[in-house]
Amino acid sequence: NEKGATDVTEFKVGGQKLYLSPIMDLYNGEIISYAISR
């Protein structure tokens, strides 16, 4: 069994908004995947 958590964080870089959405393994805290979008 695997359990994961996700969140969306907004950053402003060079006047643009970027969104970071990582997926974290709740067992060991490791980031197993992420996406960055505008």
N, C-alpha and C. Protein backbone atom coordinates (compact mmCIF):
# COMPACT_ATOMS: atom_id res chain seq x y z
N ASN A 1 0.83 -1.19 0.00
CA ASN A 1 0.00 0.00 0.00
C ASN A 1 0.87 1.25 0.00
N GLU A 2 0.42 2.26 -0.71
CA GLU A 2 1.13 3.53 -0.74
C GLU A 2 0.15 4.65 -0.40
N LYS A 3 0.65 5.64 0.33
CA LYS A 3 -0.15 6.82 0.61
C LYS A 3 0.66 8.03 0.19
N GLY A 4 -0.01 8.93 -0.49
CA GLY A 4 0.66 10.14 -0.95
C GLY A 4 -0.18 11.36 -0.63
N ALA A 5 0.49 12.50 -0.66
CA ALA A 5 -0.18 13.77 -0.43
C ALA A 5 0.26 14.74 -1.51
N THR A 6 -0.61 15.66 -1.85
CA THR A 6 -0.26 16.68 -2.84
C THR A 6 -0.74 18.04 -2.37
N ASP A 7 -0.17 19.06 -2.96
CA ASP A 7 -0.52 20.44 -2.63
C ASP A 7 -0.16 21.29 -3.84
N VAL A 8 -0.68 22.49 -3.90
CA VAL A 8 -0.32 23.43 -4.96
C VAL A 8 0.20 24.70 -4.29
N THR A 9 1.40 25.12 -4.69
CA THR A 9 2.02 26.33 -4.16
C THR A 9 2.24 27.31 -5.30
N GLU A 10 1.87 28.56 -5.08
CA GLU A 10 2.04 29.60 -6.10
C GLU A 10 3.29 30.41 -5.80
N PHE A 11 4.12 30.61 -6.84
CA PHE A 11 5.32 31.44 -6.75
C PHE A 11 5.22 32.55 -7.78
N LYS A 12 5.78 33.70 -7.47
CA LYS A 12 5.92 34.76 -8.47
C LYS A 12 7.39 34.85 -8.83
N VAL A 13 7.69 34.65 -10.11
CA VAL A 13 9.07 34.68 -10.60
C VAL A 13 9.10 35.59 -11.83
N GLY A 14 9.88 36.65 -11.76
CA GLY A 14 9.99 37.55 -12.89
C GLY A 14 8.66 38.14 -13.33
N GLY A 15 7.76 38.40 -12.38
CA GLY A 15 6.46 38.97 -12.70
C GLY A 15 5.44 37.96 -13.18
N GLN A 16 5.82 36.69 -13.28
CA GLN A 16 4.89 35.64 -13.71
C GLN A 16 4.54 34.74 -12.53
N LYS A 17 3.34 34.20 -12.55
CA LYS A 17 2.94 33.24 -11.53
C LYS A 17 3.27 31.83 -12.01
N LEU A 18 3.92 31.07 -11.15
CA LEU A 18 4.20 29.66 -11.41
C LEU A 18 3.56 28.85 -10.30
N TYR A 19 3.11 27.66 -10.64
CA TYR A 19 2.46 26.78 -9.68
C TYR A 19 3.24 25.48 -9.58
N LEU A 20 3.61 25.10 -8.36
CA LEU A 20 4.33 23.86 -8.09
C LEU A 20 3.38 22.89 -7.41
N SER A 21 3.28 21.68 -7.96
CA SER A 21 2.41 20.66 -7.39
C SER A 21 3.20 19.36 -7.20
N PRO A 22 3.78 19.16 -6.01
CA PRO A 22 4.52 17.93 -5.76
C PRO A 22 3.60 16.83 -5.22
N ILE A 23 4.03 15.59 -5.39
CA ILE A 23 3.37 14.44 -4.76
C ILE A 23 4.40 13.83 -3.81
N MET A 24 4.04 13.77 -2.53
CA MET A 24 4.96 13.30 -1.50
C MET A 24 4.52 11.95 -0.96
N ASP A 25 5.49 11.04 -0.81
CA ASP A 25 5.25 9.74 -0.18
C ASP A 25 5.12 9.98 1.32
N LEU A 26 3.98 9.63 1.91
CA LEU A 26 3.77 9.89 3.34
C LEU A 26 4.56 8.96 4.24
N TYR A 27 5.11 7.88 3.70
CA TYR A 27 5.91 6.95 4.51
C TYR A 27 7.26 7.56 4.85
N ASN A 28 7.96 8.09 3.83
CA ASN A 28 9.32 8.57 4.08
C ASN A 28 9.53 10.05 3.75
N GLY A 29 8.49 10.76 3.31
CA GLY A 29 8.59 12.18 3.03
C GLY A 29 9.25 12.52 1.70
N GLU A 30 9.54 11.50 0.89
CA GLU A 30 10.21 11.71 -0.39
C GLU A 30 9.24 12.27 -1.43
N ILE A 31 9.71 13.24 -2.22
CA ILE A 31 8.93 13.75 -3.34
C ILE A 31 9.07 12.74 -4.47
N ILE A 32 7.95 12.13 -4.88
CA ILE A 32 8.03 11.09 -5.90
C ILE A 32 7.67 11.61 -7.29
N SER A 33 7.04 12.78 -7.34
CA SER A 33 6.69 13.38 -8.62
C SER A 33 6.35 14.84 -8.37
N TYR A 34 6.45 15.65 -9.43
CA TYR A 34 6.01 17.04 -9.31
C TYR A 34 5.68 17.58 -10.69
N ALA A 35 4.92 18.66 -10.70
CA ALA A 35 4.58 19.36 -11.94
C ALA A 35 4.71 20.85 -11.67
N ILE A 36 5.21 21.57 -12.67
CA ILE A 36 5.29 23.03 -12.61
C ILE A 36 4.50 23.57 -13.79
N SER A 37 3.61 24.52 -13.53
CA SER A 37 2.80 25.09 -14.62
C SER A 37 2.66 26.59 -14.42
N ARG A 38 2.18 27.25 -15.48
CA ARG A 38 1.96 28.70 -15.43
C ARG A 38 0.52 29.01 -15.23
